[in-house]
Amino acid sequence: MNRDRMEEGIRIFLEGVGERFEGDDLDATPRRVARAWSDDLLSGYAGDPGGEMSWSEAPSDSGPVVVRDVSFSSICVHHLLPFAGHAHVAYVPRRRLAGLSKIGRVVEAHARRMQIQERLTAEIVATLDRTLEPHGALVVLEAEHTCMTLRGARKLGSRLVTLATSGTLREDPAARREILDLLGFGTERTIARTS
């Protein structure tokens, strides 16, 4: 990332708002904002999300692995506003079991980029497929988008729920239902499918 260009853009944006940089607090704002975005909010661009994954050999009788309530935050590519929520990740091991913390790291690496939630959901599944080579994978993301709660419709508490699947968890409705039941997504809850 080019932090100097980011600072320049932020200064132009603030001037467009009408700020004149007459106080010490505002004078350092472009530098602070550029650092926050490059070092934190968009830090996912710095590496390969698949590189976050490690694994061990899976026992031959391994059942589904489900990780619930992995918190994440991201930046909407449409309005550059944050959205935040929880990821629920499941896979059926073939030969590889992921290190538990690595699932959270993969979610974080993808989320710390400018995103739309539907693409983010699919990217996490694709990384699981590529790195773990499971029988199938499933990801559900639930998030509140400030582009809907702070602007536009201004509907506080509204959440978008997205689903992406692969392998047996895409092809076998009973296997997918089992995972969704484990996650607490009964038939009365609606999930928007992204794949």
N, C-alpha and C. Protein backbone atom coordinates (compact mmCIF):
# COMPACT_ATOMS: atom_id res chain seq x y z
N MET A 1 0.83 -1.18 0.00
CA MET A 1 0.00 0.00 0.00
C MET A 1 0.87 1.24 0.00
N ASN A 2 0.38 2.26 -0.64
CA ASN A 2 1.11 3.53 -0.70
C ASN A 2 0.49 4.49 0.32
N ARG A 3 1.07 4.51 1.51
CA ARG A 3 0.51 5.31 2.60
C ARG A 3 0.56 6.80 2.29
N ASP A 4 1.59 7.26 1.58
CA ASP A 4 1.67 8.68 1.21
C ASP A 4 0.49 9.09 0.34
N ARG A 5 0.14 8.25 -0.64
CA ARG A 5 -1.00 8.55 -1.51
C ARG A 5 -2.31 8.52 -0.71
N MET A 6 -2.39 7.59 0.24
CA MET A 6 -3.58 7.53 1.08
C MET A 6 -3.72 8.83 1.89
N GLU A 7 -2.63 9.28 2.49
CA GLU A 7 -2.66 10.53 3.26
C GLU A 7 -3.09 11.70 2.39
N GLU A 8 -2.56 11.75 1.19
CA GLU A 8 -2.91 12.82 0.26
C GLU A 8 -4.41 12.80 -0.05
N GLY A 9 -4.94 11.60 -0.31
CA GLY A 9 -6.36 11.47 -0.60
C GLY A 9 -7.24 11.84 0.58
N ILE A 10 -6.81 11.49 1.77
CA ILE A 10 -7.58 11.82 2.98
C ILE A 10 -7.58 13.32 3.21
N ARG A 11 -6.45 13.95 2.98
CA ARG A 11 -6.37 15.41 3.13
C ARG A 11 -7.32 16.08 2.12
N ILE A 12 -7.33 15.60 0.88
CA ILE A 12 -8.23 16.16 -0.14
C ILE A 12 -9.69 15.94 0.26
N PHE A 13 -10.00 14.75 0.77
CA PHE A 13 -11.36 14.46 1.23
C PHE A 13 -11.78 15.44 2.33
N LEU A 14 -10.92 15.64 3.32
CA LEU A 14 -11.25 16.55 4.43
C LEU A 14 -11.40 17.98 3.94
N GLU A 15 -10.58 18.38 2.98
CA GLU A 15 -10.73 19.72 2.40
C GLU A 15 -12.08 19.82 1.67
N GLY A 16 -12.47 18.73 1.01
CA GLY A 16 -13.76 18.70 0.32
C GLY A 16 -14.93 18.83 1.29
N VAL A 17 -14.76 18.31 2.50
CA VAL A 17 -15.77 18.44 3.54
C VAL A 17 -15.84 19.89 4.03
N GLY A 18 -14.73 20.61 3.89
CA GLY A 18 -14.68 22.00 4.34
C GLY A 18 -13.72 22.25 5.48
N GLU A 19 -12.98 21.24 5.91
CA GLU A 19 -12.01 21.41 6.99
C GLU A 19 -10.79 22.17 6.48
N ARG A 20 -10.18 22.95 7.36
CA ARG A 20 -9.07 23.82 6.96
C ARG A 20 -7.75 23.47 7.64
N PHE A 21 -7.70 22.42 8.44
CA PHE A 21 -6.46 21.98 9.10
C PHE A 21 -5.85 23.07 9.97
N GLU A 22 -6.67 23.78 10.70
CA GLU A 22 -6.17 24.86 11.53
C GLU A 22 -5.86 24.41 12.95
N GLY A 23 -6.25 23.22 13.34
CA GLY A 23 -5.98 22.74 14.69
C GLY A 23 -5.03 21.56 14.66
N ASP A 24 -4.28 21.38 15.74
CA ASP A 24 -3.33 20.28 15.83
C ASP A 24 -4.00 18.92 15.66
N ASP A 25 -5.21 18.78 16.20
CA ASP A 25 -5.90 17.49 16.10
C ASP A 25 -6.14 17.09 14.65
N LEU A 26 -6.58 18.00 13.83
CA LEU A 26 -6.91 17.68 12.45
C LEU A 26 -5.68 17.58 11.56
N ASP A 27 -4.64 18.32 11.86
CA ASP A 27 -3.45 18.32 11.02
C ASP A 27 -2.83 16.92 10.90
N ALA A 28 -2.89 16.15 11.96
CA ALA A 28 -2.31 14.80 11.94
C ALA A 28 -3.31 13.73 11.48
N THR A 29 -4.55 14.11 11.24
CA THR A 29 -5.58 13.14 10.88
C THR A 29 -5.25 12.35 9.62
N PRO A 30 -4.82 12.97 8.52
CA PRO A 30 -4.52 12.15 7.33
C PRO A 30 -3.50 11.04 7.61
N ARG A 31 -2.48 11.34 8.39
CA ARG A 31 -1.46 10.33 8.71
C ARG A 31 -2.07 9.23 9.59
N ARG A 32 -2.85 9.63 10.60
CA ARG A 32 -3.48 8.64 11.49
C ARG A 32 -4.44 7.74 10.72
N VAL A 33 -5.24 8.33 9.86
CA VAL A 33 -6.23 7.55 9.09
C VAL A 33 -5.51 6.58 8.14
N ALA A 34 -4.51 7.06 7.43
CA ALA A 34 -3.77 6.19 6.51
C ALA A 34 -3.14 5.02 7.26
N ARG A 35 -2.59 5.29 8.42
CA ARG A 35 -1.97 4.21 9.22
C ARG A 35 -3.04 3.21 9.69
N ALA A 36 -4.19 3.71 10.15
CA ALA A 36 -5.26 2.82 10.61
C ALA A 36 -5.75 1.92 9.49
N TRP A 37 -5.92 2.48 8.30
CA TRP A 37 -6.40 1.68 7.18
C TRP A 37 -5.35 0.69 6.69
N SER A 38 -4.11 1.12 6.56
CA SER A 38 -3.10 0.22 6.02
C SER A 38 -2.64 -0.84 7.02
N ASP A 39 -2.52 -0.46 8.30
CA ASP A 39 -2.00 -1.39 9.30
C ASP A 39 -3.07 -2.27 9.93
N ASP A 40 -4.34 -1.87 9.82
CA ASP A 40 -5.37 -2.62 10.51
C ASP A 40 -6.56 -2.95 9.60
N LEU A 41 -7.34 -1.95 9.21
CA LEU A 41 -8.59 -2.19 8.50
C LEU A 41 -8.42 -2.94 7.20
N LEU A 42 -7.32 -2.70 6.49
CA LEU A 42 -7.07 -3.38 5.21
C LEU A 42 -5.79 -4.21 5.24
N SER A 43 -5.43 -4.70 6.42
CA SER A 43 -4.18 -5.45 6.57
C SER A 43 -4.21 -6.80 5.85
N GLY A 44 -5.39 -7.26 5.44
CA GLY A 44 -5.49 -8.54 4.74
C GLY A 44 -4.82 -8.57 3.38
N TYR A 45 -4.57 -7.40 2.81
CA TYR A 45 -3.88 -7.35 1.51
C TYR A 45 -2.41 -7.73 1.63
N ALA A 46 -1.87 -7.73 2.85
CA ALA A 46 -0.44 -7.95 3.04
C ALA A 46 -0.01 -9.41 2.87
N GLY A 47 -0.94 -10.34 2.85
CA GLY A 47 -0.53 -11.74 2.76
C GLY A 47 -1.55 -12.60 2.06
N ASP A 48 -1.25 -13.89 2.00
CA ASP A 48 -2.11 -14.89 1.39
C ASP A 48 -2.94 -15.55 2.48
N PRO A 49 -4.27 -15.44 2.44
CA PRO A 49 -5.08 -16.07 3.48
C PRO A 49 -4.82 -17.57 3.63
N GLY A 50 -4.52 -18.25 2.53
CA GLY A 50 -4.21 -19.68 2.62
C GLY A 50 -2.94 -19.95 3.39
N GLY A 51 -2.03 -18.98 3.41
CA GLY A 51 -0.80 -19.12 4.18
C GLY A 51 -1.03 -19.12 5.67
N GLU A 52 -2.21 -18.73 6.10
CA GLU A 52 -2.55 -18.73 7.53
C GLU A 52 -2.89 -20.14 8.03
N MET A 53 -3.14 -21.05 7.11
CA MET A 53 -3.64 -22.37 7.48
C MET A 53 -2.49 -23.33 7.80
N SER A 54 -2.67 -24.08 8.87
CA SER A 54 -1.82 -25.24 9.16
C SER A 54 -2.75 -26.39 9.52
N TRP A 55 -2.26 -27.60 9.47
CA TRP A 55 -3.12 -28.74 9.71
C TRP A 55 -2.32 -29.91 10.25
N SER A 56 -3.05 -30.88 10.76
CA SER A 56 -2.46 -32.16 11.18
C SER A 56 -3.25 -33.26 10.48
N GLU A 57 -2.73 -34.47 10.56
CA GLU A 57 -3.39 -35.60 9.91
C GLU A 57 -4.72 -35.90 10.61
N ALA A 58 -5.77 -36.08 9.83
CA ALA A 58 -7.10 -36.35 10.38
C ALA A 58 -7.27 -37.84 10.61
N PRO A 59 -7.86 -38.24 11.73
CA PRO A 59 -8.21 -39.65 11.91
C PRO A 59 -9.17 -40.10 10.82
N SER A 60 -9.13 -41.35 10.47
CA SER A 60 -9.95 -41.84 9.35
C SER A 60 -11.44 -41.73 9.62
N ASP A 61 -11.84 -41.69 10.88
CA ASP A 61 -13.27 -41.63 11.21
C ASP A 61 -13.72 -40.22 11.62
N SER A 62 -13.03 -39.21 11.14
CA SER A 62 -13.36 -37.83 11.52
C SER A 62 -14.74 -37.43 11.02
N GLY A 63 -15.50 -36.85 11.92
CA GLY A 63 -16.80 -36.30 11.55
C GLY A 63 -16.65 -34.82 11.22
N PRO A 64 -17.76 -34.13 11.03
CA PRO A 64 -17.71 -32.71 10.69
C PRO A 64 -17.03 -31.89 11.78
N VAL A 65 -16.33 -30.87 11.36
CA VAL A 65 -15.71 -29.91 12.26
C VAL A 65 -16.46 -28.60 12.09
N VAL A 66 -16.95 -28.04 13.20
CA VAL A 66 -17.75 -26.82 13.16
C VAL A 66 -17.15 -25.80 14.12
N VAL A 67 -16.90 -24.60 13.62
CA VAL A 67 -16.42 -23.50 14.45
C VAL A 67 -17.45 -22.40 14.35
N ARG A 68 -18.06 -22.05 15.49
CA ARG A 68 -19.13 -21.05 15.49
C ARG A 68 -18.65 -19.72 16.06
N ASP A 69 -19.35 -18.67 15.65
CA ASP A 69 -19.20 -17.34 16.26
C ASP A 69 -17.78 -16.77 16.18
N VAL A 70 -17.14 -16.90 15.03
CA VAL A 70 -15.85 -16.25 14.80
C VAL A 70 -16.14 -14.79 14.43
N SER A 71 -15.80 -13.87 15.30
CA SER A 71 -16.11 -12.46 15.02
C SER A 71 -15.21 -11.94 13.91
N PHE A 72 -15.75 -11.03 13.11
CA PHE A 72 -14.97 -10.41 12.04
C PHE A 72 -15.52 -9.02 11.77
N SER A 73 -14.70 -8.20 11.15
CA SER A 73 -15.16 -6.92 10.62
C SER A 73 -14.48 -6.70 9.29
N SER A 74 -15.16 -5.99 8.41
CA SER A 74 -14.64 -5.74 7.08
C SER A 74 -15.10 -4.37 6.63
N ILE A 75 -14.67 -3.99 5.43
CA ILE A 75 -15.02 -2.71 4.84
C ILE A 75 -15.78 -2.96 3.55
N CYS A 76 -16.98 -2.39 3.45
CA CYS A 76 -17.80 -2.54 2.25
C CYS A 76 -17.15 -1.79 1.09
N VAL A 77 -16.95 -2.47 0.00
CA VAL A 77 -16.30 -1.88 -1.17
C VAL A 77 -17.18 -0.80 -1.82
N HIS A 78 -18.48 -0.82 -1.57
CA HIS A 78 -19.38 0.14 -2.21
C HIS A 78 -19.36 1.51 -1.56
N HIS A 79 -19.28 1.58 -0.22
CA HIS A 79 -19.35 2.86 0.47
C HIS A 79 -18.17 3.12 1.40
N LEU A 80 -17.23 2.18 1.47
CA LEU A 80 -16.09 2.26 2.38
C LEU A 80 -16.53 2.43 3.82
N LEU A 81 -17.61 1.75 4.17
CA LEU A 81 -18.12 1.74 5.54
C LEU A 81 -17.97 0.32 6.09
N PRO A 82 -17.81 0.21 7.41
CA PRO A 82 -17.59 -1.12 7.98
C PRO A 82 -18.86 -1.97 8.06
N PHE A 83 -18.63 -3.28 8.02
CA PHE A 83 -19.66 -4.23 8.41
C PHE A 83 -19.00 -5.25 9.32
N ALA A 84 -19.76 -5.75 10.27
CA ALA A 84 -19.18 -6.65 11.27
C ALA A 84 -20.20 -7.69 11.68
N GLY A 85 -19.68 -8.83 12.08
CA GLY A 85 -20.57 -9.90 12.50
C GLY A 85 -19.81 -11.13 12.92
N HIS A 86 -20.42 -12.28 12.62
CA HIS A 86 -19.84 -13.56 13.01
C HIS A 86 -19.82 -14.52 11.82
N ALA A 87 -18.75 -15.29 11.76
CA ALA A 87 -18.61 -16.34 10.76
C ALA A 87 -18.81 -17.68 11.47
N HIS A 88 -19.50 -18.58 10.78
CA HIS A 88 -19.69 -19.94 11.25
C HIS A 88 -19.11 -20.83 10.15
N VAL A 89 -18.11 -21.61 10.49
CA VAL A 89 -17.33 -22.35 9.51
C VAL A 89 -17.40 -23.84 9.81
N ALA A 90 -17.63 -24.65 8.79
CA ALA A 90 -17.67 -26.10 8.96
C ALA A 90 -17.00 -26.77 7.77
N TYR A 91 -16.41 -27.92 8.03
CA TYR A 91 -15.88 -28.74 6.95
C TYR A 91 -15.89 -30.19 7.38
N VAL A 92 -15.89 -31.07 6.40
CA VAL A 92 -15.82 -32.51 6.64
C VAL A 92 -14.43 -32.96 6.20
N PRO A 93 -13.56 -33.29 7.15
CA PRO A 93 -12.17 -33.61 6.81
C PRO A 93 -12.05 -34.84 5.92
N ARG A 94 -11.07 -34.76 5.06
CA ARG A 94 -10.68 -35.92 4.27
C ARG A 94 -9.40 -36.47 4.89
N ARG A 95 -8.32 -35.68 4.81
CA ARG A 95 -7.03 -36.10 5.39
C ARG A 95 -6.46 -35.06 6.35
N ARG A 96 -6.99 -33.84 6.33
CA ARG A 96 -6.37 -32.75 7.08
C ARG A 96 -7.35 -32.13 8.08
N LEU A 97 -6.85 -31.94 9.31
CA LEU A 97 -7.58 -31.19 10.34
C LEU A 97 -6.89 -29.85 10.53
N ALA A 98 -7.64 -28.79 10.44
CA ALA A 98 -7.06 -27.45 10.60
C ALA A 98 -6.75 -27.18 12.05
N GLY A 99 -5.68 -26.41 12.29
CA GLY A 99 -5.46 -25.88 13.62
C GLY A 99 -6.61 -24.95 13.94
N LEU A 100 -7.20 -25.07 15.13
CA LEU A 100 -8.42 -24.34 15.45
C LEU A 100 -8.27 -22.84 15.26
N SER A 101 -7.19 -22.26 15.72
CA SER A 101 -7.02 -20.81 15.58
C SER A 101 -6.84 -20.41 14.12
N LYS A 102 -6.46 -21.35 13.28
CA LYS A 102 -6.20 -21.03 11.87
C LYS A 102 -7.48 -20.71 11.13
N ILE A 103 -8.59 -21.30 11.54
CA ILE A 103 -9.87 -20.97 10.91
C ILE A 103 -10.17 -19.49 11.11
N GLY A 104 -9.99 -19.01 12.33
CA GLY A 104 -10.20 -17.59 12.62
C GLY A 104 -9.25 -16.71 11.85
N ARG A 105 -8.02 -17.16 11.69
CA ARG A 105 -7.04 -16.36 10.94
C ARG A 105 -7.39 -16.27 9.46
N VAL A 106 -7.93 -17.34 8.89
CA VAL A 106 -8.35 -17.31 7.49
C VAL A 106 -9.52 -16.34 7.32
N VAL A 107 -10.49 -16.40 8.22
CA VAL A 107 -11.62 -15.47 8.17
C VAL A 107 -11.09 -14.04 8.23
N GLU A 108 -10.21 -13.76 9.18
CA GLU A 108 -9.67 -12.41 9.37
C GLU A 108 -8.88 -11.93 8.15
N ALA A 109 -8.07 -12.80 7.57
CA ALA A 109 -7.25 -12.41 6.42
C ALA A 109 -8.11 -12.00 5.22
N HIS A 110 -9.23 -12.70 5.02
CA HIS A 110 -10.13 -12.33 3.93
C HIS A 110 -10.95 -11.09 4.29
N ALA A 111 -11.38 -10.99 5.55
CA ALA A 111 -12.24 -9.88 5.96
C ALA A 111 -11.50 -8.55 5.96
N ARG A 112 -10.20 -8.56 6.19
CA ARG A 112 -9.42 -7.31 6.27
C ARG A 112 -9.02 -6.83 4.87
N ARG A 113 -9.97 -6.90 3.97
CA ARG A 113 -9.85 -6.37 2.61
C ARG A 113 -11.18 -5.68 2.30
N MET A 114 -11.21 -4.84 1.29
CA MET A 114 -12.49 -4.28 0.88
C MET A 114 -13.31 -5.42 0.27
N GLN A 115 -14.55 -5.57 0.72
CA GLN A 115 -15.32 -6.75 0.39
C GLN A 115 -16.79 -6.42 0.18
N ILE A 116 -17.47 -7.38 -0.42
CA ILE A 116 -18.91 -7.51 -0.25
C ILE A 116 -19.08 -8.84 0.48
N GLN A 117 -20.09 -8.95 1.30
CA GLN A 117 -20.22 -10.13 2.16
C GLN A 117 -20.36 -11.42 1.36
N GLU A 118 -21.09 -11.36 0.25
CA GLU A 118 -21.28 -12.56 -0.56
C GLU A 118 -19.94 -13.10 -1.07
N ARG A 119 -19.08 -12.22 -1.54
CA ARG A 119 -17.76 -12.65 -2.03
C ARG A 119 -16.90 -13.15 -0.87
N LEU A 120 -16.94 -12.46 0.26
CA LEU A 120 -16.18 -12.87 1.43
C LEU A 120 -16.53 -14.30 1.84
N THR A 121 -17.81 -14.61 1.85
CA THR A 121 -18.27 -15.95 2.22
C THR A 121 -17.68 -16.99 1.27
N ALA A 122 -17.77 -16.73 -0.03
CA ALA A 122 -17.26 -17.67 -1.03
C ALA A 122 -15.74 -17.81 -0.96
N GLU A 123 -15.02 -16.72 -0.68
CA GLU A 123 -13.56 -16.77 -0.60
C GLU A 123 -13.09 -17.63 0.57
N ILE A 124 -13.80 -17.58 1.68
CA ILE A 124 -13.41 -18.41 2.83
C ILE A 124 -13.58 -19.88 2.49
N VAL A 125 -14.71 -20.24 1.85
CA VAL A 125 -14.92 -21.63 1.43
C VAL A 125 -13.83 -22.06 0.45
N ALA A 126 -13.49 -21.20 -0.51
CA ALA A 126 -12.47 -21.55 -1.50
C ALA A 126 -11.11 -21.79 -0.83
N THR A 127 -10.77 -21.00 0.17
CA THR A 127 -9.49 -21.19 0.88
C THR A 127 -9.50 -22.51 1.65
N LEU A 128 -10.61 -22.83 2.30
CA LEU A 128 -10.71 -24.11 2.99
C LEU A 128 -10.54 -25.27 2.01
N ASP A 129 -11.20 -25.18 0.85
CA ASP A 129 -11.08 -26.23 -0.16
C ASP A 129 -9.64 -26.38 -0.64
N ARG A 130 -9.00 -25.27 -0.91
CA ARG A 130 -7.65 -25.29 -1.46
C ARG A 130 -6.63 -25.82 -0.44
N THR A 131 -6.76 -25.42 0.82
CA THR A 131 -5.73 -25.77 1.80
C THR A 131 -5.99 -27.08 2.52
N LEU A 132 -7.26 -27.39 2.82
CA LEU A 132 -7.57 -28.60 3.58
C LEU A 132 -8.01 -29.77 2.71
N GLU A 133 -8.45 -29.49 1.49
CA GLU A 133 -8.97 -30.51 0.58
C GLU A 133 -10.00 -31.41 1.28
N PRO A 134 -11.03 -30.79 1.89
CA PRO A 134 -12.03 -31.57 2.63
C PRO A 134 -13.03 -32.24 1.68
N HIS A 135 -13.86 -33.10 2.25
CA HIS A 135 -14.98 -33.65 1.48
C HIS A 135 -15.95 -32.54 1.11
N GLY A 136 -16.08 -31.56 1.99
CA GLY A 136 -16.96 -30.42 1.74
C GLY A 136 -16.74 -29.35 2.79
N ALA A 137 -17.14 -28.13 2.46
CA ALA A 137 -17.01 -27.01 3.40
C ALA A 137 -18.27 -26.16 3.33
N LEU A 138 -18.53 -25.44 4.42
CA LEU A 138 -19.70 -24.59 4.51
C LEU A 138 -19.34 -23.39 5.38
N VAL A 139 -19.73 -22.20 4.93
CA VAL A 139 -19.52 -20.98 5.70
C VAL A 139 -20.80 -20.18 5.69
N VAL A 140 -21.21 -19.74 6.87
CA VAL A 140 -22.33 -18.82 7.03
C VAL A 140 -21.77 -17.56 7.67
N LEU A 141 -22.06 -16.41 7.07
CA LEU A 141 -21.68 -15.13 7.66
C LEU A 141 -22.96 -14.36 8.01
N GLU A 142 -22.98 -13.80 9.20
CA GLU A 142 -24.06 -12.92 9.65
C GLU A 142 -23.40 -11.59 9.99
N ALA A 143 -23.86 -10.50 9.39
CA ALA A 143 -23.21 -9.22 9.66
C ALA A 143 -24.18 -8.06 9.58
N GLU A 144 -23.89 -7.03 10.37
CA GLU A 144 -24.62 -5.77 10.30
C GLU A 144 -23.77 -4.80 9.49
N HIS A 145 -24.39 -4.20 8.49
CA HIS A 145 -23.70 -3.31 7.56
C HIS A 145 -24.05 -1.86 7.88
N THR A 146 -23.04 -1.06 8.18
CA THR A 146 -23.32 0.34 8.50
C THR A 146 -23.77 1.12 7.27
N CYS A 147 -23.52 0.60 6.06
CA CYS A 147 -24.06 1.27 4.88
C CYS A 147 -25.58 1.14 4.81
N MET A 148 -26.14 0.24 5.62
CA MET A 148 -27.60 0.11 5.71
C MET A 148 -28.13 0.67 7.03
N THR A 149 -27.31 0.65 8.07
CA THR A 149 -27.81 1.09 9.38
C THR A 149 -27.53 2.55 9.67
N LEU A 150 -26.48 3.13 9.11
CA LEU A 150 -26.13 4.53 9.36
C LEU A 150 -26.51 5.46 8.23
N ARG A 151 -26.80 4.91 7.06
CA ARG A 151 -27.17 5.71 5.89
C ARG A 151 -28.27 4.96 5.14
N GLY A 152 -28.73 5.51 4.07
CA GLY A 152 -29.73 4.82 3.26
C GLY A 152 -30.98 4.49 4.06
N ALA A 153 -31.28 3.21 4.19
CA ALA A 153 -32.50 2.77 4.87
C ALA A 153 -32.48 3.04 6.38
N ARG A 154 -31.28 3.12 6.96
CA ARG A 154 -31.10 3.37 8.40
C ARG A 154 -31.92 2.42 9.26
N LYS A 155 -31.74 1.15 9.01
CA LYS A 155 -32.47 0.11 9.74
C LYS A 155 -31.51 -0.57 10.72
N LEU A 156 -31.39 0.01 11.92
CA LEU A 156 -30.51 -0.53 12.95
C LEU A 156 -30.89 -1.96 13.29
N GLY A 157 -29.90 -2.79 13.49
CA GLY A 157 -30.12 -4.18 13.86
C GLY A 157 -30.34 -5.12 12.70
N SER A 158 -30.48 -4.60 11.48
CA SER A 158 -30.64 -5.46 10.31
C SER A 158 -29.34 -6.21 10.06
N ARG A 159 -29.45 -7.49 9.71
CA ARG A 159 -28.27 -8.28 9.41
C ARG A 159 -28.43 -9.01 8.09
N LEU A 160 -27.34 -9.13 7.39
CA LEU A 160 -27.30 -9.92 6.16
C LEU A 160 -26.70 -11.28 6.53
N VAL A 161 -27.33 -12.34 6.05
CA VAL A 161 -26.85 -13.70 6.28
C VAL A 161 -26.55 -14.31 4.92
N THR A 162 -25.33 -14.80 4.75
CA THR A 162 -24.92 -15.41 3.49
C THR A 162 -24.37 -16.81 3.75
N LEU A 163 -24.46 -17.66 2.75
CA LEU A 163 -24.04 -19.05 2.83
C LEU A 163 -23.26 -19.41 1.58
N ALA A 164 -22.15 -20.10 1.76
CA ALA A 164 -21.42 -20.69 0.64
C ALA A 164 -21.05 -22.12 1.02
N THR A 165 -21.10 -23.02 0.05
CA THR A 165 -20.83 -24.44 0.30
C THR A 165 -19.97 -25.01 -0.81
N SER A 166 -19.39 -26.18 -0.52
CA SER A 166 -18.63 -26.91 -1.54
C SER A 166 -18.73 -28.40 -1.26
N GLY A 167 -18.38 -29.19 -2.26
CA GLY A 167 -18.30 -30.64 -2.10
C GLY A 167 -19.58 -31.26 -1.60
N THR A 168 -19.45 -32.20 -0.66
CA THR A 168 -20.61 -32.92 -0.16
C THR A 168 -21.60 -32.00 0.56
N LEU A 169 -21.10 -30.90 1.10
CA LEU A 169 -22.01 -29.99 1.80
C LEU A 169 -22.79 -29.11 0.82
N ARG A 170 -22.42 -29.14 -0.43
CA ARG A 170 -23.23 -28.50 -1.47
C ARG A 170 -24.14 -29.53 -2.12
N GLU A 171 -23.61 -30.72 -2.35
CA GLU A 171 -24.32 -31.74 -3.13
C GLU A 171 -25.33 -32.55 -2.33
N ASP A 172 -25.11 -32.71 -1.02
CA ASP A 172 -25.95 -33.57 -0.20
C ASP A 172 -26.79 -32.73 0.76
N PRO A 173 -28.09 -32.55 0.47
CA PRO A 173 -28.94 -31.72 1.32
C PRO A 173 -29.00 -32.19 2.77
N ALA A 174 -28.97 -33.50 3.00
CA ALA A 174 -29.03 -34.01 4.38
C ALA A 174 -27.77 -33.65 5.15
N ALA A 175 -26.61 -33.76 4.51
CA ALA A 175 -25.34 -33.40 5.16
C ALA A 175 -25.30 -31.90 5.46
N ARG A 176 -25.77 -31.11 4.51
CA ARG A 176 -25.81 -29.65 4.71
C ARG A 176 -26.77 -29.29 5.85
N ARG A 177 -27.93 -29.95 5.89
CA ARG A 177 -28.93 -29.70 6.94
C ARG A 177 -28.34 -30.03 8.31
N GLU A 178 -27.58 -31.14 8.40
CA GLU A 178 -26.96 -31.53 9.67
C GLU A 178 -26.05 -30.42 10.19
N ILE A 179 -25.25 -29.85 9.30
CA ILE A 179 -24.33 -28.77 9.70
C ILE A 179 -25.12 -27.53 10.09
N LEU A 180 -26.11 -27.17 9.29
CA LEU A 180 -26.91 -25.98 9.60
C LEU A 180 -27.65 -26.14 10.92
N ASP A 181 -28.10 -27.37 11.22
CA ASP A 181 -28.73 -27.63 12.51
C ASP A 181 -27.73 -27.45 13.65
N LEU A 182 -26.51 -27.95 13.47
CA LEU A 182 -25.47 -27.77 14.49
C LEU A 182 -25.20 -26.28 14.73
N LEU A 183 -25.32 -25.49 13.68
CA LEU A 183 -25.07 -24.06 13.80
C LEU A 183 -26.28 -23.30 14.35
N GLY A 184 -27.41 -23.98 14.48
CA GLY A 184 -28.60 -23.33 15.01
C GLY A 184 -29.43 -22.63 13.96
N PHE A 185 -29.23 -22.97 12.69
CA PHE A 185 -30.02 -22.38 11.62
C PHE A 185 -31.13 -23.36 11.25
N GLY A 186 -32.26 -23.25 11.97
CA GLY A 186 -33.40 -24.12 11.70
C GLY A 186 -34.12 -23.68 10.44
N THR A 187 -35.14 -24.42 10.08
CA THR A 187 -35.86 -24.13 8.84
C THR A 187 -36.58 -22.80 8.87
N GLU A 188 -36.82 -22.25 10.07
CA GLU A 188 -37.51 -20.96 10.12
C GLU A 188 -36.60 -19.79 9.81
N ARG A 189 -35.30 -20.01 9.76
CA ARG A 189 -34.37 -18.91 9.46
C ARG A 189 -33.98 -18.95 8.00
N THR A 190 -33.89 -17.80 7.38
CA THR A 190 -33.57 -17.72 5.96
C THR A 190 -32.08 -17.43 5.79
N ILE A 191 -31.49 -18.12 4.86
CA ILE A 191 -30.09 -17.90 4.52
C ILE A 191 -30.01 -17.62 3.04
N ALA A 192 -29.32 -16.53 2.67
CA ALA A 192 -29.11 -16.21 1.26
C ALA A 192 -27.95 -17.05 0.76
N ARG A 193 -28.19 -17.85 -0.26
CA ARG A 193 -27.13 -18.71 -0.80
C ARG A 193 -26.26 -17.93 -1.76
N THR A 194 -24.94 -18.09 -1.65
CA THR A 194 -24.03 -17.43 -2.57
C THR A 194 -23.37 -18.41 -3.52
N SER A 195 -23.67 -19.68 -3.34
CA SER A 195 -23.11 -20.66 -4.27
C SER A 195 -24.05 -21.82 -4.42
